[in-house]
Amino acid sequence: FGGLKVVSEYSDDEEEDEDSSPGKLYNPVAVLQKKLAALETTGMKVQARLQKIASTFESFNSLFQLSDFFITLMLLVGSGAVMVVLWLVPFSWLMAVGGCFVLRHPRFRDPLPAKPLCLASRLPDKQDTMV
């Protein structure tokens, strides 16, 4: 905990002056409060990240529950197209094309997130369907 630094969104100059006073440096309560604030900040960041992941999985789950007809229809048509391609094209060719795609030069990569992930972030999750 000694290396963690708390960055506050609403910092006042007065608070910084109080924290830099020599009496606070040796106050165990103040040190404990700083460590707890850093731990709280880290916990809130982890909670926000887990909430985003859970929302994405709920959105993928809503594809199979027919909550949005158009998106579910797109999923079924896309799955059918993938099935036809897998049936017609030899697997070794698909692996070669996939390997070339994954191992392409970074200059040819798109810096934006993947299109399916962007689509999944726009799908309704449980919180949106309850509203």
Foldseek 3Di string as FASTA:
>chain_A
DVPFDDDDPDDDPVVVVVCPDPVNVPDPVNVVVRVVNSVVVVVVVVVVVVVLVVQLVQLVVVLVVCPDVVSVVVVVVVVVVVVVCPVPDDPVVVVVVVVCVVPPDPVPDDPDDDPVSVVSSPGGGPVRVVD
